[in-house]
Amino acid sequence: MWDNESVPTVLRSGPYRIYFHSHEPNEPPHVHVDRDEQSAKFWLNPVALVRNLGFSPVELRRIQRILKENEETLMEKWHEQFGN
């Protein structure tokens, strides 16, 4: 299991936990999204699905909308965490 330092939560929206893995700084800006046993990875600029493990298409669209609405904040937090 990851500790809070290696997977900082950057946003919670409804049932979704949105976070970074600190050991992935060489990838483009992205977030991981979890709910229960489902997980997905999205690039942030532009917001696009990279990997889906269990979310329905309806939920993926909902998550993508949440990420787009918070894209500026998420990008700021990415750069705070990993630099440019």
PDB file of N, CA and C in Angstrom:
ATOM      1  N   MET A   1       0.840  -1.189   0.000  1.00  0.00           N
ATOM      2  CA  MET A   1       0.000   0.000   0.000  1.00  0.00           C
ATOM      3  C   MET A   1       0.880   1.246   0.000  1.00  0.00           C
ATOM      4  N   TRP A   2       0.440   2.280  -0.696  1.00  0.00           N
ATOM      5  CA  TRP A   2       1.178   3.530  -0.791  1.00  0.00           C
ATOM      6  C   TRP A   2       0.930   4.364   0.449  1.00  0.00           C
ATOM      7  N   ASP A   3       1.969   5.096   0.896  1.00  0.00           N
ATOM      8  CA  ASP A   3       1.751   6.019   2.003  1.00  0.00           C
ATOM      9  C   ASP A   3       1.262   7.354   1.437  1.00  0.00           C
ATOM     10  N   ASN A   4       0.746   8.233   2.320  1.00  0.00           N
ATOM     11  CA  ASN A   4       0.167   9.496   1.873  1.00  0.00           C
ATOM     12  C   ASN A   4       1.178  10.392   1.179  1.00  0.00           C
ATOM     13  N   GLU A   5       2.450  10.270   1.537  1.00  0.00           N
ATOM     14  CA  GLU A   5       3.470  11.104   0.914  1.00  0.00           C
ATOM     15  C   GLU A   5       3.709  10.712  -0.537  1.00  0.00           C
ATOM     16  N   SER A   6       3.626   9.425  -0.846  1.00  0.00           N
ATOM     17  CA  SER A   6       3.897   8.985  -2.213  1.00  0.00           C
ATOM     18  C   SER A   6       2.671   9.079  -3.110  1.00  0.00           C
ATOM     19  N   VAL A   7       1.490   9.221  -2.546  1.00  0.00           N
ATOM     20  CA  VAL A   7       0.264   9.376  -3.337  1.00  0.00           C
ATOM     21  C   VAL A   7      -0.594  10.504  -2.755  1.00  0.00           C
ATOM     22  N   PRO A   8      -0.127  11.741  -2.899  1.00  0.00           N
ATOM     23  CA  PRO A   8      -0.883  12.846  -2.319  1.00  0.00           C
ATOM     24  C   PRO A   8      -2.230  13.050  -3.012  1.00  0.00           C
ATOM     25  N   THR A   9      -3.292  13.122  -2.217  1.00  0.00           N
ATOM     26  CA  THR A   9      -4.614  13.441  -2.739  1.00  0.00           C
ATOM     27  C   THR A   9      -4.633  14.921  -3.076  1.00  0.00           C
ATOM     28  N   VAL A  10      -5.034  15.259  -4.289  1.00  0.00           N
ATOM     29  CA  VAL A  10      -5.069  16.658  -4.699  1.00  0.00           C
ATOM     30  C   VAL A  10      -6.484  17.193  -4.818  1.00  0.00           C
ATOM     31  N   LEU A  11      -7.474  16.294  -4.883  1.00  0.00           N
ATOM     32  CA  LEU A  11      -8.865  16.728  -4.990  1.00  0.00           C
ATOM     33  C   LEU A  11      -9.765  15.554  -4.627  1.00  0.00           C
ATOM     34  N   ARG A  12     -10.842  15.874  -3.960  1.00  0.00           N
ATOM     35  CA  ARG A  12     -11.924  14.910  -3.740  1.00  0.00           C
ATOM     36  C   ARG A  12     -13.181  15.532  -4.319  1.00  0.00           C
ATOM     37  N   SER A  13     -13.909  14.748  -5.084  1.00  0.00           N
ATOM     38  CA  SER A  13     -15.153  15.223  -5.671  1.00  0.00           C
ATOM     39  C   SER A  13     -16.149  14.084  -5.603  1.00  0.00           C
ATOM     40  N   GLY A  14     -17.165  14.254  -4.777  1.00  0.00           N
ATOM     41  CA  GLY A  14     -18.119  13.169  -4.585  1.00  0.00           C
ATOM     42  C   GLY A  14     -17.380  11.936  -4.118  1.00  0.00           C
ATOM     43  N   PRO A  15     -17.609  10.794  -4.782  1.00  0.00           N
ATOM     44  CA  PRO A  15     -16.953   9.552  -4.357  1.00  0.00           C
ATOM     45  C   PRO A  15     -15.530   9.381  -4.902  1.00  0.00           C
ATOM     46  N   TYR A  16     -15.034  10.374  -5.654  1.00  0.00           N
ATOM     47  CA  TYR A  16     -13.764  10.215  -6.360  1.00  0.00           C
ATOM     48  C   TYR A  16     -12.597  10.833  -5.603  1.00  0.00           C
ATOM     49  N   ARG A  17     -11.523  10.068  -5.516  1.00  0.00           N
ATOM     50  CA  ARG A  17     -10.255  10.559  -4.963  1.00  0.00           C
ATOM     51  C   ARG A  17      -9.308  10.756  -6.134  1.00  0.00           C
ATOM     52  N   ILE A  18      -8.798  11.969  -6.271  1.00  0.00           N
ATOM     53  CA  ILE A  18      -7.917  12.320  -7.379  1.00  0.00           C
ATOM     54  C   ILE A  18      -6.547  12.590  -6.788  1.00  0.00           C
ATOM     55  N   TYR A  19      -5.515  11.917  -7.325  1.00  0.00           N
ATOM     56  CA  TYR A  19      -4.209  11.987  -6.686  1.00  0.00           C
ATOM     57  C   TYR A  19      -3.086  11.802  -7.689  1.00  0.00           C
ATOM     58  N   PHE A  20      -1.862  12.115  -7.237  1.00  0.00           N
ATOM     59  CA  PHE A  20      -0.632  11.883  -7.997  1.00  0.00           C
ATOM     60  C   PHE A  20       0.118  10.733  -7.358  1.00  0.00           C
ATOM     61  N   HIS A  21       0.904  10.033  -8.160  1.00  0.00           N
ATOM     62  CA  HIS A  21       1.922   9.108  -7.651  1.00  0.00           C
ATOM     63  C   HIS A  21       3.235   9.876  -7.708  1.00  0.00           C
ATOM     64  N   SER A  22       3.920  10.015  -6.608  1.00  0.00           N
ATOM     65  CA  SER A  22       5.142  10.819  -6.613  1.00  0.00           C
ATOM     66  C   SER A  22       6.288  10.154  -7.363  1.00  0.00           C
ATOM     67  N   HIS A  23       6.188   8.888  -7.676  1.00  0.00           N
ATOM     68  CA  HIS A  23       7.262   8.211  -8.402  1.00  0.00           C
ATOM     69  C   HIS A  23       7.072   8.255  -9.918  1.00  0.00           C
ATOM     70  N   GLU A  24       6.184   9.093 -10.429  1.00  0.00           N
ATOM     71  CA  GLU A  24       5.933   9.199 -11.865  1.00  0.00           C
ATOM     72  C   GLU A  24       6.208  10.605 -12.421  1.00  0.00           C
ATOM     73  N   PRO A  25       7.208  11.322 -11.924  1.00  0.00           N
ATOM     74  CA  PRO A  25       7.381  12.712 -12.359  1.00  0.00           C
ATOM     75  C   PRO A  25       7.877  12.862 -13.798  1.00  0.00           C
ATOM     76  N   ASN A  26       8.369  11.808 -14.429  1.00  0.00           N
ATOM     77  CA  ASN A  26       8.884  11.927 -15.793  1.00  0.00           C
ATOM     78  C   ASN A  26       7.809  11.754 -16.853  1.00  0.00           C
ATOM     79  N   GLU A  27       6.582  11.516 -16.444  1.00  0.00           N
ATOM     80  CA  GLU A  27       5.474  11.417 -17.382  1.00  0.00           C
ATOM     81  C   GLU A  27       4.832  12.792 -17.533  1.00  0.00           C
ATOM     82  N   PRO A  28       4.049  12.982 -18.603  1.00  0.00           N
ATOM     83  CA  PRO A  28       3.306  14.241 -18.724  1.00  0.00           C
ATOM     84  C   PRO A  28       2.367  14.417 -17.526  1.00  0.00           C
ATOM     85  N   PRO A  29       1.943  15.655 -17.255  1.00  0.00           N
ATOM     86  CA  PRO A  29       1.022  15.877 -16.134  1.00  0.00           C
ATOM     87  C   PRO A  29      -0.208  14.980 -16.234  1.00  0.00           C
ATOM     88  N   HIS A  30      -0.502  14.286 -15.138  1.00  0.00           N
ATOM     89  CA  HIS A  30      -1.638  13.366 -15.117  1.00  0.00           C
ATOM     90  C   HIS A  30      -2.089  13.137 -13.677  1.00  0.00           C
ATOM     91  N   VAL A  31      -3.274  12.575 -13.557  1.00  0.00           N
ATOM     92  CA  VAL A  31      -3.808  12.198 -12.249  1.00  0.00           C
ATOM     93  C   VAL A  31      -4.350  10.783 -12.326  1.00  0.00           C
ATOM     94  N   HIS A  32      -4.474  10.194 -11.148  1.00  0.00           N
ATOM     95  CA  HIS A  32      -5.153   8.920 -10.973  1.00  0.00           C
ATOM     96  C   HIS A  32      -6.451   9.220 -10.241  1.00  0.00           C
ATOM     97  N   VAL A  33      -7.499   8.491 -10.594  1.00  0.00           N
ATOM     98  CA  VAL A  33      -8.808   8.678  -9.980  1.00  0.00           C
ATOM     99  C   VAL A  33      -9.295   7.322  -9.494  1.00  0.00           C
ATOM    100  N   ASP A  34      -9.661   7.255  -8.221  1.00  0.00           N
ATOM    101  CA  ASP A  34     -10.175   6.012  -7.641  1.00  0.00           C
ATOM    102  C   ASP A  34     -11.554   6.219  -7.050  1.00  0.00           C
ATOM    103  N   ARG A  35     -12.348   5.166  -7.120  1.00  0.00           N
ATOM    104  CA  ARG A  35     -13.601   5.048  -6.373  1.00  0.00           C
ATOM    105  C   ARG A  35     -13.771   3.563  -6.108  1.00  0.00           C
ATOM    106  N   ASP A  36     -13.872   3.238  -4.846  1.00  0.00           N
ATOM    107  CA  ASP A  36     -13.989   1.827  -4.477  1.00  0.00           C
ATOM    108  C   ASP A  36     -12.861   1.031  -5.142  1.00  0.00           C
ATOM    109  N   GLU A  37     -13.203   0.031  -5.930  1.00  0.00           N
ATOM    110  CA  GLU A  37     -12.192  -0.809  -6.579  1.00  0.00           C
ATOM    111  C   GLU A  37     -11.862  -0.345  -7.998  1.00  0.00           C
ATOM    112  N   GLN A  38     -12.511   0.724  -8.477  1.00  0.00           N
ATOM    113  CA  GLN A  38     -12.249   1.229  -9.820  1.00  0.00           C
ATOM    114  C   GLN A  38     -11.108   2.239  -9.783  1.00  0.00           C
ATOM    115  N   SER A  39     -10.391   2.322 -10.902  1.00  0.00           N
ATOM    116  CA  SER A  39      -9.278   3.251 -10.998  1.00  0.00           C
ATOM    117  C   SER A  39      -9.111   3.676 -12.454  1.00  0.00           C
ATOM    118  N   ALA A  40      -8.688   4.925 -12.643  1.00  0.00           N
ATOM    119  CA  ALA A  40      -8.413   5.418 -13.992  1.00  0.00           C
ATOM    120  C   ALA A  40      -7.256   6.397 -13.920  1.00  0.00           C
ATOM    121  N   LYS A  41      -6.612   6.576 -15.065  1.00  0.00           N
ATOM    122  CA  LYS A  41      -5.514   7.533 -15.184  1.00  0.00           C
ATOM    123  C   LYS A  41      -5.856   8.458 -16.338  1.00  0.00           C
ATOM    124  N   PHE A  42      -5.690   9.772 -16.110  1.00  0.00           N
ATOM    125  CA  PHE A  42      -5.985  10.778 -17.122  1.00  0.00           C
ATOM    126  C   PHE A  42      -4.810  11.718 -17.292  1.00  0.00           C
ATOM    127  N   TRP A  43      -4.460  12.017 -18.549  1.00  0.00           N
ATOM    128  CA  TRP A  43      -3.556  13.133 -18.815  1.00  0.00           C
ATOM    129  C   TRP A  43      -4.325  14.404 -18.474  1.00  0.00           C
ATOM    130  N   LEU A  44      -3.605  15.470 -18.151  1.00  0.00           N
ATOM    131  CA  LEU A  44      -4.264  16.721 -17.769  1.00  0.00           C
ATOM    132  C   LEU A  44      -4.276  17.781 -18.860  1.00  0.00           C
ATOM    133  N   ASN A  45      -3.353  17.732 -19.809  1.00  0.00           N
ATOM    134  CA  ASN A  45      -3.277  18.843 -20.755  1.00  0.00           C
ATOM    135  C   ASN A  45      -3.056  18.321 -22.165  1.00  0.00           C
ATOM    136  N   PRO A  46      -4.132  18.042 -22.921  1.00  0.00           N
ATOM    137  CA  PRO A  46      -5.533  18.180 -22.533  1.00  0.00           C
ATOM    138  C   PRO A  46      -6.006  16.969 -21.724  1.00  0.00           C
ATOM    139  N   VAL A  47      -7.136  17.126 -21.068  1.00  0.00           N
ATOM    140  CA  VAL A  47      -7.696  16.038 -20.269  1.00  0.00           C
ATOM    141  C   VAL A  47      -8.079  14.894 -21.209  1.00  0.00           C
ATOM    142  N   ALA A  48      -7.479  13.728 -20.970  1.00  0.00           N
ATOM    143  CA  ALA A  48      -7.740  12.565 -21.821  1.00  0.00           C
ATOM    144  C   ALA A  48      -7.491  11.294 -21.021  1.00  0.00           C
ATOM    145  N   LEU A  49      -8.347  10.312 -21.234  1.00  0.00           N
ATOM    146  CA  LEU A  49      -8.213   9.028 -20.562  1.00  0.00           C
ATOM    147  C   LEU A  49      -6.980   8.283 -21.060  1.00  0.00           C
ATOM    148  N   VAL A  50      -6.182   7.770 -20.119  1.00  0.00           N
ATOM    149  CA  VAL A  50      -5.021   6.952 -20.444  1.00  0.00           C
ATOM    150  C   VAL A  50      -5.329   5.482 -20.191  1.00  0.00           C
ATOM    151  N   ARG A  51      -5.928   5.194 -19.031  1.00  0.00           N
ATOM    152  CA  ARG A  51      -6.189   3.808 -18.634  1.00  0.00           C
ATOM    153  C   ARG A  51      -7.437   3.773 -17.759  1.00  0.00           C
ATOM    154  N   ASN A  52      -8.234   2.746 -17.941  1.00  0.00           N
ATOM    155  CA  ASN A  52      -9.449   2.566 -17.148  1.00  0.00           C
ATOM    156  C   ASN A  52      -9.493   1.148 -16.596  1.00  0.00           C
ATOM    157  N   LEU A  53      -9.699   1.053 -15.300  1.00  0.00           N
ATOM    158  CA  LEU A  53      -9.851  -0.249 -14.656  1.00  0.00           C
ATOM    159  C   LEU A  53     -11.187  -0.285 -13.907  1.00  0.00           C
ATOM    160  N   GLY A  54     -12.270  -0.475 -14.653  1.00  0.00           N
ATOM    161  CA  GLY A  54     -13.551  -0.742 -14.036  1.00  0.00           C
ATOM    162  C   GLY A  54     -14.622   0.326 -14.086  1.00  0.00           C
ATOM    163  N   PHE A  55     -14.299   1.566 -14.455  1.00  0.00           N
ATOM    164  CA  PHE A  55     -15.328   2.606 -14.529  1.00  0.00           C
ATOM    165  C   PHE A  55     -16.186   2.411 -15.771  1.00  0.00           C
ATOM    166  N   SER A  56     -17.470   2.703 -15.653  1.00  0.00           N
ATOM    167  CA  SER A  56     -18.373   2.652 -16.807  1.00  0.00           C
ATOM    168  C   SER A  56     -18.131   3.885 -17.681  1.00  0.00           C
ATOM    169  N   PRO A  57     -18.559   3.834 -18.940  1.00  0.00           N
ATOM    170  CA  PRO A  57     -18.423   5.018 -19.807  1.00  0.00           C
ATOM    171  C   PRO A  57     -19.103   6.259 -19.227  1.00  0.00           C
ATOM    172  N   VAL A  58     -20.251   6.085 -18.569  1.00  0.00           N
ATOM    173  CA  VAL A  58     -20.960   7.220 -17.963  1.00  0.00           C
ATOM    174  C   VAL A  58     -20.096   7.847 -16.869  1.00  0.00           C
ATOM    175  N   GLU A  59     -19.516   7.012 -16.023  1.00  0.00           N
ATOM    176  CA  GLU A  59     -18.654   7.545 -14.955  1.00  0.00           C
ATOM    177  C   GLU A  59     -17.403   8.194 -15.520  1.00  0.00           C
ATOM    178  N   LEU A  60     -16.815   7.611 -16.552  1.00  0.00           N
ATOM    179  CA  LEU A  60     -15.626   8.210 -17.157  1.00  0.00           C
ATOM    180  C   LEU A  60     -15.923   9.607 -17.687  1.00  0.00           C
ATOM    181  N   ARG A  61     -17.091   9.792 -18.298  1.00  0.00           N
ATOM    182  CA  ARG A  61     -17.466  11.126 -18.778  1.00  0.00           C
ATOM    183  C   ARG A  61     -17.644  12.085 -17.601  1.00  0.00           C
ATOM    184  N   ARG A  62     -18.238  11.603 -16.510  1.00  0.00           N
ATOM    185  CA  ARG A  62     -18.417  12.425 -15.313  1.00  0.00           C
ATOM    186  C   ARG A  62     -17.055  12.833 -14.743  1.00  0.00           C
ATOM    187  N   ILE A  63     -16.151  11.884 -14.638  1.00  0.00           N
ATOM    188  CA  ILE A  63     -14.808  12.171 -14.114  1.00  0.00           C
ATOM    189  C   ILE A  63     -14.082  13.145 -15.032  1.00  0.00           C
ATOM    190  N   GLN A  64     -14.174  12.922 -16.339  1.00  0.00           N
ATOM    191  CA  GLN A  64     -13.504  13.816 -17.275  1.00  0.00           C
ATOM    192  C   GLN A  64     -14.035  15.238 -17.137  1.00  0.00           C
ATOM    193  N   ARG A  65     -15.323  15.393 -16.935  1.00  0.00           N
ATOM    194  CA  ARG A  65     -15.916  16.721 -16.733  1.00  0.00           C
ATOM    195  C   ARG A  65     -15.369  17.369 -15.457  1.00  0.00           C
ATOM    196  N   ILE A  66     -15.265  16.595 -14.381  1.00  0.00           N
ATOM    197  CA  ILE A  66     -14.703  17.103 -13.114  1.00  0.00           C
ATOM    198  C   ILE A  66     -13.268  17.556 -13.334  1.00  0.00           C
ATOM    199  N   LEU A  67     -12.493  16.763 -14.050  1.00  0.00           N
ATOM    200  CA  LEU A  67     -11.096  17.110 -14.286  1.00  0.00           C
ATOM    201  C   LEU A  67     -10.974  18.362 -15.144  1.00  0.00           C
ATOM    202  N   LYS A  68     -11.818  18.483 -16.176  1.00  0.00           N
ATOM    203  CA  LYS A  68     -11.787  19.683 -17.016  1.00  0.00           C
ATOM    204  C   LYS A  68     -12.152  20.918 -16.208  1.00  0.00           C
ATOM    205  N   GLU A  69     -13.140  20.789 -15.331  1.00  0.00           N
ATOM    206  CA  GLU A  69     -13.549  21.922 -14.503  1.00  0.00           C
ATOM    207  C   GLU A  69     -12.451  22.347 -13.540  1.00  0.00           C
ATOM    208  N   ASN A  70     -11.569  21.439 -13.188  1.00  0.00           N
ATOM    209  CA  ASN A  70     -10.502  21.701 -12.217  1.00  0.00           C
ATOM    210  C   ASN A  70      -9.117  21.645 -12.848  1.00  0.00           C
ATOM    211  N   GLU A  71      -9.047  21.674 -14.170  1.00  0.00           N
ATOM    212  CA  GLU A  71      -7.781  21.476 -14.880  1.00  0.00           C
ATOM    213  C   GLU A  71      -6.712  22.477 -14.453  1.00  0.00           C
ATOM    214  N   GLU A  72      -7.063  23.754 -14.340  1.00  0.00           N
ATOM    215  CA  GLU A  72      -6.072  24.766 -13.966  1.00  0.00           C
ATOM    216  C   GLU A  72      -5.493  24.490 -12.581  1.00  0.00           C
ATOM    217  N   THR A  73      -6.352  24.202 -11.615  1.00  0.00           N
ATOM    218  CA  THR A  73      -5.897  23.897 -10.252  1.00  0.00           C
ATOM    219  C   THR A  73      -5.048  22.641 -10.229  1.00  0.00           C
ATOM    220  N   LEU A  74      -5.468  21.607 -10.945  1.00  0.00           N
ATOM    221  CA  LEU A  74      -4.706  20.363 -10.974  1.00  0.00           C
ATOM    222  C   LEU A  74      -3.334  20.569 -11.606  1.00  0.00           C
ATOM    223  N   MET A  75      -3.273  21.383 -12.666  1.00  0.00           N
ATOM    224  CA  MET A  75      -1.975  21.663 -13.286  1.00  0.00           C
ATOM    225  C   MET A  75      -1.072  22.442 -12.322  1.00  0.00           C
ATOM    226  N   GLU A  76      -1.639  23.395 -11.602  1.00  0.00           N
ATOM    227  CA  GLU A  76      -0.853  24.145 -10.616  1.00  0.00           C
ATOM    228  C   GLU A  76      -0.295  23.200  -9.556  1.00  0.00           C
ATOM    229  N   LYS A  77      -1.131  22.297  -9.069  1.00  0.00           N
ATOM    230  CA  LYS A  77      -0.682  21.358  -8.047  1.00  0.00           C
ATOM    231  C   LYS A  77       0.367  20.399  -8.597  1.00  0.00           C
ATOM    232  N   TRP A  78       0.220  19.991  -9.857  1.00  0.00           N
ATOM    233  CA  TRP A  78       1.218  19.129 -10.490  1.00  0.00           C
ATOM    234  C   TRP A  78       2.578  19.831 -10.472  1.00  0.00           C
ATOM    235  N   HIS A  79       2.591  21.098 -10.912  1.00  0.00           N
ATOM    236  CA  HIS A  79       3.853  21.839 -10.991  1.00  0.00           C
ATOM    237  C   HIS A  79       4.425  22.122  -9.611  1.00  0.00           C
ATOM    238  N   GLU A  80       3.571  22.315  -8.615  1.00  0.00           N
ATOM    239  CA  GLU A  80       4.059  22.465  -7.227  1.00  0.00           C
ATOM    240  C   GLU A  80       4.740  21.177  -6.768  1.00  0.00           C
ATOM    241  N   GLN A  81       4.168  20.042  -7.136  1.00  0.00           N
ATOM    242  CA  GLN A  81       4.686  18.743  -6.703  1.00  0.00           C
ATOM    243  C   GLN A  81       5.956  18.344  -7.454  1.00  0.00           C
ATOM    244  N   PHE A  82       5.951  18.553  -8.785  1.00  0.00           N
ATOM    245  CA  PHE A  82       7.023  18.012  -9.615  1.00  0.00           C
ATOM    246  C   PHE A  82       7.880  19.060 -10.316  1.00  0.00           C
ATOM    247  N   GLY A  83       7.499  20.327 -10.236  1.00  0.00           N
ATOM    248  CA  GLY A  83       8.224  21.370 -10.976  1.00  0.00           C
ATOM    249  C   GLY A  83       7.810  21.361 -12.428  1.00  0.00           C
ATOM    250  N   ASN A  84       8.517  22.132 -13.250  1.00  0.00           N
ATOM    251  CA  ASN A  84       8.170  22.221 -14.668  1.00  0.00           C
ATOM    252  C   ASN A  84       8.749  21.056 -15.361  1.00  0.00           C
TER     253      ASN A  84
END
